[in-house]
PDB file of N, CA and C in Angstrom:
ATOM      1  N   MET A   1      36.849 153.429  70.176  1.00  0.00           N
ATOM      2  CA  MET A   1      35.467 153.220  69.797  1.00  0.00           C
ATOM      3  C   MET A   1      34.968 151.888  70.335  1.00  0.00           C
ATOM      4  N   ARG A   2      33.737 151.874  70.745  1.00  0.00           N
ATOM      5  CA  ARG A   2      33.104 150.640  71.209  1.00  0.00           C
ATOM      6  C   ARG A   2      32.199 150.080  70.121  1.00  0.00           C
ATOM      7  N   ALA A   3      31.920 148.809  70.215  1.00  0.00           N
ATOM      8  CA  ALA A   3      30.995 148.161  69.290  1.00  0.00           C
ATOM      9  C   ALA A   3      29.655 147.965  69.986  1.00  0.00           C
ATOM     10  N   PHE A   4      28.575 148.169  69.245  1.00  0.00           N
ATOM     11  CA  PHE A   4      27.225 147.998  69.757  1.00  0.00           C
ATOM     12  C   PHE A   4      26.452 147.095  68.812  1.00  0.00           C
ATOM     13  N   ALA A   5      25.617 146.245  69.373  1.00  0.00           N
ATOM     14  CA  ALA A   5      24.650 145.481  68.589  1.00  0.00           C
ATOM     15  C   ALA A   5      23.336 146.250  68.647  1.00  0.00           C
ATOM     16  N   VAL A   6      22.734 146.450  67.495  1.00  0.00           N
ATOM     17  CA  VAL A   6      21.434 147.104  67.410  1.00  0.00           C
ATOM     18  C   VAL A   6      20.466 146.083  66.821  1.00  0.00           C
ATOM     19  N   CYS A   7      19.467 145.715  67.589  1.00  0.00           N
ATOM     20  CA  CYS A   7      18.489 144.714  67.166  1.00  0.00           C
ATOM     21  C   CYS A   7      17.158 145.397  66.900  1.00  0.00           C
ATOM     22  N   HIS A   8      16.632 145.207  65.711  1.00  0.00           N
ATOM     23  CA  HIS A   8      15.359 145.778  65.307  1.00  0.00           C
ATOM     24  C   HIS A   8      14.247 144.815  65.721  1.00  0.00           C
ATOM     25  N   ILE A   9      13.324 145.294  66.528  1.00  0.00           N
ATOM     26  CA  ILE A   9      12.181 144.495  66.979  1.00  0.00           C
ATOM     27  C   ILE A   9      11.017 144.819  66.056  1.00  0.00           C
ATOM     28  N   LYS A  10      10.747 143.895  65.127  1.00  0.00           N
ATOM     29  CA  LYS A  10       9.710 144.132  64.118  1.00  0.00           C
ATOM     30  C   LYS A  10       8.360 143.643  64.611  1.00  0.00           C
ATOM     31  N   ARG A  11       7.394 144.511  64.439  1.00  0.00           N
ATOM     32  CA  ARG A  11       6.010 144.142  64.747  1.00  0.00           C
ATOM     33  C   ARG A  11       5.098 144.497  63.582  1.00  0.00           C
ATOM     34  N   MET A  12       5.679 145.018  62.518  1.00  0.00           N
ATOM     35  CA  MET A  12       4.933 145.447  61.326  1.00  0.00           C
ATOM     36  C   MET A  12       5.253 144.489  60.185  1.00  0.00           C
ATOM     37  N   PRO A  13       4.536 144.628  59.042  1.00  0.00           N
ATOM     38  CA  PRO A  13       4.891 143.808  57.872  1.00  0.00           C
ATOM     39  C   PRO A  13       6.373 143.948  57.528  1.00  0.00           C
ATOM     40  N   GLU A  14       6.937 142.928  56.946  1.00  0.00           N
ATOM     41  CA  GLU A  14       8.382 142.790  56.735  1.00  0.00           C
ATOM     42  C   GLU A  14       9.077 144.045  56.207  1.00  0.00           C
ATOM     43  N   GLU A  15       8.532 144.718  55.228  1.00  0.00           N
ATOM     44  CA  GLU A  15       9.246 145.835  54.601  1.00  0.00           C
ATOM     45  C   GLU A  15       8.887 147.201  55.172  1.00  0.00           C
ATOM     46  N   ALA A  16       7.911 147.278  56.053  1.00  0.00           N
ATOM     47  CA  ALA A  16       7.477 148.577  56.582  1.00  0.00           C
ATOM     48  C   ALA A  16       8.608 149.243  57.354  1.00  0.00           C
ATOM     49  N   GLY A  17       9.069 150.391  56.879  1.00  0.00           N
ATOM     50  CA  GLY A  17      10.073 151.167  57.593  1.00  0.00           C
ATOM     51  C   GLY A  17      11.496 150.660  57.489  1.00  0.00           C
ATOM     52  N   ALA A  18      11.723 149.567  56.772  1.00  0.00           N
ATOM     53  CA  ALA A  18      13.072 148.990  56.721  1.00  0.00           C
ATOM     54  C   ALA A  18      14.066 149.941  56.084  1.00  0.00           C
ATOM     55  N   SER A  19      13.675 150.628  55.017  1.00  0.00           N
ATOM     56  CA  SER A  19      14.634 151.505  54.335  1.00  0.00           C
ATOM     57  C   SER A  19      14.969 152.724  55.188  1.00  0.00           C
ATOM     58  N   THR A  20      14.013 153.236  55.958  1.00  0.00           N
ATOM     59  CA  THR A  20      14.275 154.391  56.820  1.00  0.00           C
ATOM     60  C   THR A  20      15.259 154.028  57.920  1.00  0.00           C
ATOM     61  N   LEU A  21      15.068 152.880  58.549  1.00  0.00           N
ATOM     62  CA  LEU A  21      16.004 152.444  59.583  1.00  0.00           C
ATOM     63  C   LEU A  21      17.374 152.165  58.965  1.00  0.00           C
ATOM     64  N   ALA A  22      17.406 151.541  57.811  1.00  0.00           N
ATOM     65  CA  ALA A  22      18.680 151.270  57.141  1.00  0.00           C
ATOM     66  C   ALA A  22      19.431 152.569  56.862  1.00  0.00           C
ATOM     67  N   GLU A  23      18.729 153.601  56.447  1.00  0.00           N
ATOM     68  CA  GLU A  23      19.366 154.900  56.210  1.00  0.00           C
ATOM     69  C   GLU A  23      19.973 155.443  57.506  1.00  0.00           C
ATOM     70  N   GLY A  24      19.247 155.311  58.610  1.00  0.00           N
ATOM     71  CA  GLY A  24      19.762 155.769  59.896  1.00  0.00           C
ATOM     72  C   GLY A  24      20.983 154.988  60.340  1.00  0.00           C
ATOM     73  N   MET A  25      20.939 153.676  60.159  1.00  0.00           N
ATOM     74  CA  MET A  25      22.087 152.849  60.537  1.00  0.00           C
ATOM     75  C   MET A  25      23.289 153.162  59.655  1.00  0.00           C
ATOM     76  N   ASN A  26      23.057 153.349  58.365  1.00  0.00           N
ATOM     77  CA  ASN A  26      24.164 153.704  57.469  1.00  0.00           C
ATOM     78  C   ASN A  26      24.781 155.043  57.867  1.00  0.00           C
ATOM     79  N   ALA A  27      23.943 155.995  58.290  1.00  0.00           N
ATOM     80  CA  ALA A  27      24.452 157.302  58.721  1.00  0.00           C
ATOM     81  C   ALA A  27      25.337 157.172  59.958  1.00  0.00           C
ATOM     82  N   LEU A  28      25.072 156.169  60.797  1.00  0.00           N
ATOM     83  CA  LEU A  28      25.882 155.935  61.995  1.00  0.00           C
ATOM     84  C   LEU A  28      27.089 155.047  61.711  1.00  0.00           C
ATOM     85  N   GLY A  29      27.217 154.592  60.476  1.00  0.00           N
ATOM     86  CA  GLY A  29      28.325 153.703  60.137  1.00  0.00           C
ATOM     87  C   GLY A  29      28.019 152.250  60.444  1.00  0.00           C
ATOM     88  N   GLY A  30      26.753 151.934  60.628  1.00  0.00           N
ATOM     89  CA  GLY A  30      26.359 150.574  60.964  1.00  0.00           C
ATOM     90  C   GLY A  30      26.535 149.611  59.804  1.00  0.00           C
ATOM     91  N   ILE A  31      26.834 148.396  60.124  1.00  0.00           N
ATOM     92  CA  ILE A  31      26.941 147.350  59.114  1.00  0.00           C
ATOM     93  C   ILE A  31      26.147 146.133  59.584  1.00  0.00           C
ATOM     94  N   ARG A  32      25.807 145.290  58.626  1.00  0.00           N
ATOM     95  CA  ARG A  32      25.144 144.032  58.935  1.00  0.00           C
ATOM     96  C   ARG A  32      26.071 142.908  58.517  1.00  0.00           C
ATOM     97  N   PRO A  33      26.922 142.441  59.427  1.00  0.00           N
ATOM     98  CA  PRO A  33      27.890 141.414  59.051  1.00  0.00           C
ATOM     99  C   PRO A  33      27.270 140.027  58.930  1.00  0.00           C
ATOM    100  N   PHE A  34      26.008 139.911  59.303  1.00  0.00           N
ATOM    101  CA  PHE A  34      25.335 138.620  59.258  1.00  0.00           C
ATOM    102  C   PHE A  34      24.241 138.665  58.203  1.00  0.00           C
ATOM    103  N   ARG A  35      23.743 137.511  57.844  1.00  0.00           N
ATOM    104  CA  ARG A  35      22.637 137.456  56.888  1.00  0.00           C
ATOM    105  C   ARG A  35      21.317 137.670  57.615  1.00  0.00           C
ATOM    106  N   SER A  36      21.192 138.797  58.250  1.00  0.00           N
ATOM    107  CA  SER A  36      19.990 139.148  58.993  1.00  0.00           C
ATOM    108  C   SER A  36      19.699 140.616  58.754  1.00  0.00           C
ATOM    109  N   ARG A  37      18.440 140.920  58.505  1.00  0.00           N
ATOM    110  CA  ARG A  37      18.082 142.324  58.349  1.00  0.00           C
ATOM    111  C   ARG A  37      17.742 142.963  59.682  1.00  0.00           C
ATOM    112  N   ASP A  38      17.769 142.185  60.744  1.00  0.00           N
ATOM    113  CA  ASP A  38      17.327 142.688  62.038  1.00  0.00           C
ATOM    114  C   ASP A  38      18.452 142.995  63.011  1.00  0.00           C
ATOM    115  N   VAL A  39      19.678 142.600  62.707  1.00  0.00           N
ATOM    116  CA  VAL A  39      20.805 142.824  63.609  1.00  0.00           C
ATOM    117  C   VAL A  39      21.876 143.625  62.882  1.00  0.00           C
ATOM    118  N   TRP A  40      22.279 144.718  63.496  1.00  0.00           N
ATOM    119  CA  TRP A  40      23.324 145.583  62.971  1.00  0.00           C
ATOM    120  C   TRP A  40      24.427 145.670  64.015  1.00  0.00           C
ATOM    121  N   ILE A  41      25.632 145.939  63.555  1.00  0.00           N
ATOM    122  CA  ILE A  41      26.743 146.255  64.448  1.00  0.00           C
ATOM    123  C   ILE A  41      27.222 147.656  64.077  1.00  0.00           C
ATOM    124  N   VAL A  42      27.382 148.505  65.074  1.00  0.00           N
ATOM    125  CA  VAL A  42      27.895 149.851  64.831  1.00  0.00           C
ATOM    126  C   VAL A  42      29.050 150.101  65.792  1.00  0.00           C
ATOM    127  N   ARG A  43      30.125 150.684  65.273  1.00  0.00           N
ATOM    128  CA  ARG A  43      31.261 151.094  66.109  1.00  0.00           C
ATOM    129  C   ARG A  43      31.145 152.605  66.274  1.00  0.00           C
ATOM    130  N   SER A  44      31.149 153.052  67.524  1.00  0.00           N
ATOM    131  CA  SER A  44      30.887 154.466  67.776  1.00  0.00           C
ATOM    132  C   SER A  44      31.472 154.888  69.122  1.00  0.00           C
ATOM    133  N   ASP A  45      31.747 156.174  69.233  1.00  0.00           N
ATOM    134  CA  ASP A  45      32.109 156.762  70.514  1.00  0.00           C
ATOM    135  C   ASP A  45      30.857 157.202  71.280  1.00  0.00           C
ATOM    136  N   ALA A  46      29.700 157.089  70.652  1.00  0.00           N
ATOM    137  CA  ALA A  46      28.437 157.469  71.288  1.00  0.00           C
ATOM    138  C   ALA A  46      28.057 156.443  72.361  1.00  0.00           C
ATOM    139  N   THR A  47      27.091 156.809  73.198  1.00  0.00           N
ATOM    140  CA  THR A  47      26.547 155.882  74.179  1.00  0.00           C
ATOM    141  C   THR A  47      25.386 155.110  73.549  1.00  0.00           C
ATOM    142  N   SER A  48      24.956 154.061  74.221  1.00  0.00           N
ATOM    143  CA  SER A  48      23.801 153.313  73.715  1.00  0.00           C
ATOM    144  C   SER A  48      22.559 154.209  73.670  1.00  0.00           C
ATOM    145  N   ASP A  49      22.402 155.088  74.643  1.00  0.00           N
ATOM    146  CA  ASP A  49      21.271 156.022  74.637  1.00  0.00           C
ATOM    147  C   ASP A  49      21.328 156.954  73.434  1.00  0.00           C
ATOM    148  N   GLN A  50      22.516 157.450  73.101  1.00  0.00           N
ATOM    149  CA  GLN A  50      22.656 158.353  71.956  1.00  0.00           C
ATOM    150  C   GLN A  50      22.355 157.633  70.640  1.00  0.00           C
ATOM    151  N   ILE A  51      22.795 156.398  70.517  1.00  0.00           N
ATOM    152  CA  ILE A  51      22.503 155.624  69.307  1.00  0.00           C
ATOM    153  C   ILE A  51      21.003 155.376  69.214  1.00  0.00           C
ATOM    154  N   ARG A  52      20.391 154.955  70.318  1.00  0.00           N
ATOM    155  CA  ARG A  52      18.938 154.753  70.336  1.00  0.00           C
ATOM    156  C   ARG A  52      18.204 156.022  69.931  1.00  0.00           C
ATOM    157  N   ASP A  53      18.594 157.151  70.510  1.00  0.00           N
ATOM    158  CA  ASP A  53      17.924 158.410  70.217  1.00  0.00           C
ATOM    159  C   ASP A  53      18.067 158.802  68.752  1.00  0.00           C
ATOM    160  N   ALA A  54      19.230 158.508  68.165  1.00  0.00           N
ATOM    161  CA  ALA A  54      19.461 158.852  66.762  1.00  0.00           C
ATOM    162  C   ALA A  54      18.602 157.996  65.824  1.00  0.00           C
ATOM    163  N   LEU A  55      18.206 156.813  66.274  1.00  0.00           N
ATOM    164  CA  LEU A  55      17.464 155.889  65.418  1.00  0.00           C
ATOM    165  C   LEU A  55      15.967 155.849  65.682  1.00  0.00           C
ATOM    166  N   GLN A  56      15.517 156.194  66.870  1.00  0.00           N
ATOM    167  CA  GLN A  56      14.121 155.957  67.221  1.00  0.00           C
ATOM    168  C   GLN A  56      13.129 156.690  66.335  1.00  0.00           C
ATOM    169  N   SER A  57      13.467 157.868  65.834  1.00  0.00           N
ATOM    170  CA  SER A  57      12.538 158.597  64.964  1.00  0.00           C
ATOM    171  C   SER A  57      12.403 157.938  63.589  1.00  0.00           C
ATOM    172  N   ARG A  58      13.294 157.016  63.263  1.00  0.00           N
ATOM    173  CA  ARG A  58      13.250 156.336  61.973  1.00  0.00           C
ATOM    174  C   ARG A  58      12.454 155.035  62.014  1.00  0.00           C
ATOM    175  N   LEU A  59      11.993 154.655  63.190  1.00  0.00           N
ATOM    176  CA  LEU A  59      11.224 153.424  63.332  1.00  0.00           C
ATOM    177  C   LEU A  59       9.747 153.665  63.053  1.00  0.00           C
ATOM    178  N   PRO A  60       9.089 152.705  62.410  1.00  0.00           N
ATOM    179  CA  PRO A  60       7.635 152.811  62.266  1.00  0.00           C
ATOM    180  C   PRO A  60       6.968 152.733  63.639  1.00  0.00           C
ATOM    181  N   PRO A  61       5.780 153.298  63.789  1.00  0.00           N
ATOM    182  CA  PRO A  61       5.071 153.210  65.070  1.00  0.00           C
ATOM    183  C   PRO A  61       4.918 151.759  65.510  1.00  0.00           C
ATOM    184  N   GLY A  62       5.135 151.517  66.796  1.00  0.00           N
ATOM    185  CA  GLY A  62       4.950 150.192  67.352  1.00  0.00           C
ATOM    186  C   GLY A  62       6.165 149.291  67.275  1.00  0.00           C
ATOM    187  N   GLU A  63       7.221 149.714  66.577  1.00  0.00           N
ATOM    188  CA  GLU A  63       8.424 148.903  66.486  1.00  0.00           C
ATOM    189  C   GLU A  63       9.462 149.415  67.467  1.00  0.00           C
ATOM    190  N   GLY A  64      10.472 148.597  67.739  1.00  0.00           N
ATOM    191  CA  GLY A  64      11.467 148.976  68.721  1.00  0.00           C
ATOM    192  C   GLY A  64      12.873 148.587  68.312  1.00  0.00           C
ATOM    193  N   ILE A  65      13.827 149.039  69.099  1.00  0.00           N
ATOM    194  CA  ILE A  65      15.221 148.648  68.923  1.00  0.00           C
ATOM    195  C   ILE A  65      15.824 148.387  70.294  1.00  0.00           C
ATOM    196  N   ILE A  66      16.800 147.517  70.301  1.00  0.00           N
ATOM    197  CA  ILE A  66      17.604 147.264  71.484  1.00  0.00           C
ATOM    198  C   ILE A  66      19.040 147.583  71.104  1.00  0.00           C
ATOM    199  N   VAL A  67      19.709 148.415  71.888  1.00  0.00           N
ATOM    200  CA  VAL A  67      21.099 148.778  71.643  1.00  0.00           C
ATOM    201  C   VAL A  67      21.920 148.260  72.820  1.00  0.00           C
ATOM    202  N   VAL A  68      22.872 147.384  72.531  1.00  0.00           N
ATOM    203  CA  VAL A  68      23.671 146.759  73.575  1.00  0.00           C
ATOM    204  C   VAL A  68      25.151 146.972  73.282  1.00  0.00           C
ATOM    205  N   SER A  69      25.883 147.477  74.262  1.00  0.00           N
ATOM    206  CA  SER A  69      27.331 147.610  74.123  1.00  0.00           C
ATOM    207  C   SER A  69      27.949 146.222  74.183  1.00  0.00           C
ATOM    208  N   LEU A  70      28.799 145.918  73.230  1.00  0.00           N
ATOM    209  CA  LEU A  70      29.454 144.616  73.191  1.00  0.00           C
ATOM    210  C   LEU A  70      30.751 144.693  73.967  1.00  0.00           C
ATOM    211  N   GLY A  71      30.962 143.746  74.828  1.00  0.00           N
ATOM    212  CA  GLY A  71      32.130 143.769  75.700  1.00  0.00           C
ATOM    213  C   GLY A  71      33.171 142.754  75.302  1.00  0.00           C
ATOM    214  N   LEU A  72      33.989 142.401  76.258  1.00  0.00           N
ATOM    215  CA  LEU A  72      35.110 141.501  76.001  1.00  0.00           C
ATOM    216  C   LEU A  72      34.704 140.044  75.913  1.00  0.00           C
ATOM    217  N   ASP A  73      33.616 139.678  76.540  1.00  0.00           N
ATOM    218  CA  ASP A  73      33.197 138.286  76.555  1.00  0.00           C
ATOM    219  C   ASP A  73      32.068 138.089  75.562  1.00  0.00           C
ATOM    220  N   ALA A  74      32.292 137.275  74.554  1.00  0.00           N
ATOM    221  CA  ALA A  74      31.267 137.009  73.542  1.00  0.00           C
ATOM    222  C   ALA A  74      31.445 135.593  73.020  1.00  0.00           C
ATOM    223  N   SER A  75      30.351 135.003  72.610  1.00  0.00           N
ATOM    224  CA  SER A  75      30.415 133.691  71.977  1.00  0.00           C
ATOM    225  C   SER A  75      29.314 133.607  70.936  1.00  0.00           C
ATOM    226  N   TRP A  76      29.457 132.697  70.010  1.00  0.00           N
ATOM    227  CA  TRP A  76      28.469 132.537  68.951  1.00  0.00           C
ATOM    228  C   TRP A  76      28.531 131.130  68.400  1.00  0.00           C
ATOM    229  N   HIS A  77      27.514 130.804  67.618  1.00  0.00           N
ATOM    230  CA  HIS A  77      27.414 129.484  67.003  1.00  0.00           C
ATOM    231  C   HIS A  77      26.643 129.626  65.692  1.00  0.00           C
ATOM    232  N   GLY A  78      27.006 128.830  64.720  1.00  0.00           N
ATOM    233  CA  GLY A  78      26.253 128.779  63.477  1.00  0.00           C
ATOM    234  C   GLY A  78      26.587 129.866  62.472  1.00  0.00           C
ATOM    235  N   LEU A  79      27.684 130.571  62.685  1.00  0.00           N
ATOM    236  CA  LEU A  79      28.094 131.607  61.744  1.00  0.00           C
ATOM    237  C   LEU A  79      29.163 131.042  60.830  1.00  0.00           C
ATOM    238  N   ASP A  80      29.228 131.587  59.612  1.00  0.00           N
ATOM    239  CA  ASP A  80      30.273 131.099  58.711  1.00  0.00           C
ATOM    240  C   ASP A  80      31.613 131.727  59.071  1.00  0.00           C
ATOM    241  N   ALA A  81      32.667 131.291  58.404  1.00  0.00           N
ATOM    242  CA  ALA A  81      34.029 131.731  58.748  1.00  0.00           C
ATOM    243  C   ALA A  81      34.188 133.243  58.647  1.00  0.00           C
ATOM    244  N   ALA A  82      33.639 133.863  57.603  1.00  0.00           N
ATOM    245  CA  ALA A  82      33.775 135.310  57.427  1.00  0.00           C
ATOM    246  C   ALA A  82      33.061 136.065  58.548  1.00  0.00           C
ATOM    247  N   GLU A  83      31.878 135.594  58.942  1.00  0.00           N
ATOM    248  CA  GLU A  83      31.142 136.250  60.015  1.00  0.00           C
ATOM    249  C   GLU A  83      31.891 136.109  61.342  1.00  0.00           C
ATOM    250  N   SER A  84      32.406 134.923  61.617  1.00  0.00           N
ATOM    251  CA  SER A  84      33.178 134.706  62.848  1.00  0.00           C
ATOM    252  C   SER A  84      34.436 135.560  62.877  1.00  0.00           C
ATOM    253  N   GLU A  85      35.112 135.641  61.755  1.00  0.00           N
ATOM    254  CA  GLU A  85      36.318 136.470  61.672  1.00  0.00           C
ATOM    255  C   GLU A  85      35.982 137.928  61.920  1.00  0.00           C
ATOM    256  N   TRP A  86      34.884 138.397  61.334  1.00  0.00           N
ATOM    257  CA  TRP A  86      34.480 139.792  61.519  1.00  0.00           C
ATOM    258  C   TRP A  86      34.234 140.061  63.008  1.00  0.00           C
ATOM    259  N   LEU A  87      33.508 139.171  63.669  1.00  0.00           N
ATOM    260  CA  LEU A  87      33.238 139.364  65.093  1.00  0.00           C
ATOM    261  C   LEU A  87      34.532 139.384  65.904  1.00  0.00           C
ATOM    262  N   THR A  88      35.438 138.457  65.624  1.00  0.00           N
ATOM    263  CA  THR A  88      36.701 138.375  66.352  1.00  0.00           C
ATOM    264  C   THR A  88      37.492 139.676  66.220  1.00  0.00           C
ATOM    265  N   GLU A  89      37.460 140.283  65.052  1.00  0.00           N
ATOM    266  CA  GLU A  89      38.235 141.486  64.799  1.00  0.00           C
ATOM    267  C   GLU A  89      37.550 142.767  65.301  1.00  0.00           C
ATOM    268  N   ASN A  90      36.223 142.734  65.481  1.00  0.00           N
ATOM    269  CA  ASN A  90      35.499 143.981  65.724  1.00  0.00           C
ATOM    270  C   ASN A  90      34.824 144.117  67.078  1.00  0.00           C
ATOM    271  N   ILE A  91      34.786 143.052  67.894  1.00  0.00           N
ATOM    272  CA  ILE A  91      34.145 143.263  69.199  1.00  0.00           C
ATOM    273  C   ILE A  91      35.074 142.935  70.339  1.00  0.00           C
TER     274      ILE A  91
END
């Protein structure tokens, strides 16, 4: 399984459509290992296109998502120990 970052591009009021997208991400096994409602990590055998397609109908009009396959090279800053550990183990 590969890991993907799914970033929600919000252009609507803060809560508009959040629960619908969360339901879609939960159905895909997505988790939010960070204190952000806009970034999810999902581990899947699907492609980025398939993940996007599974989620796009759950977005409010005018909003978007970016799905990026996470590879071997990654770096981060400003995360706590648990978040860093999660990334080290999962991407």
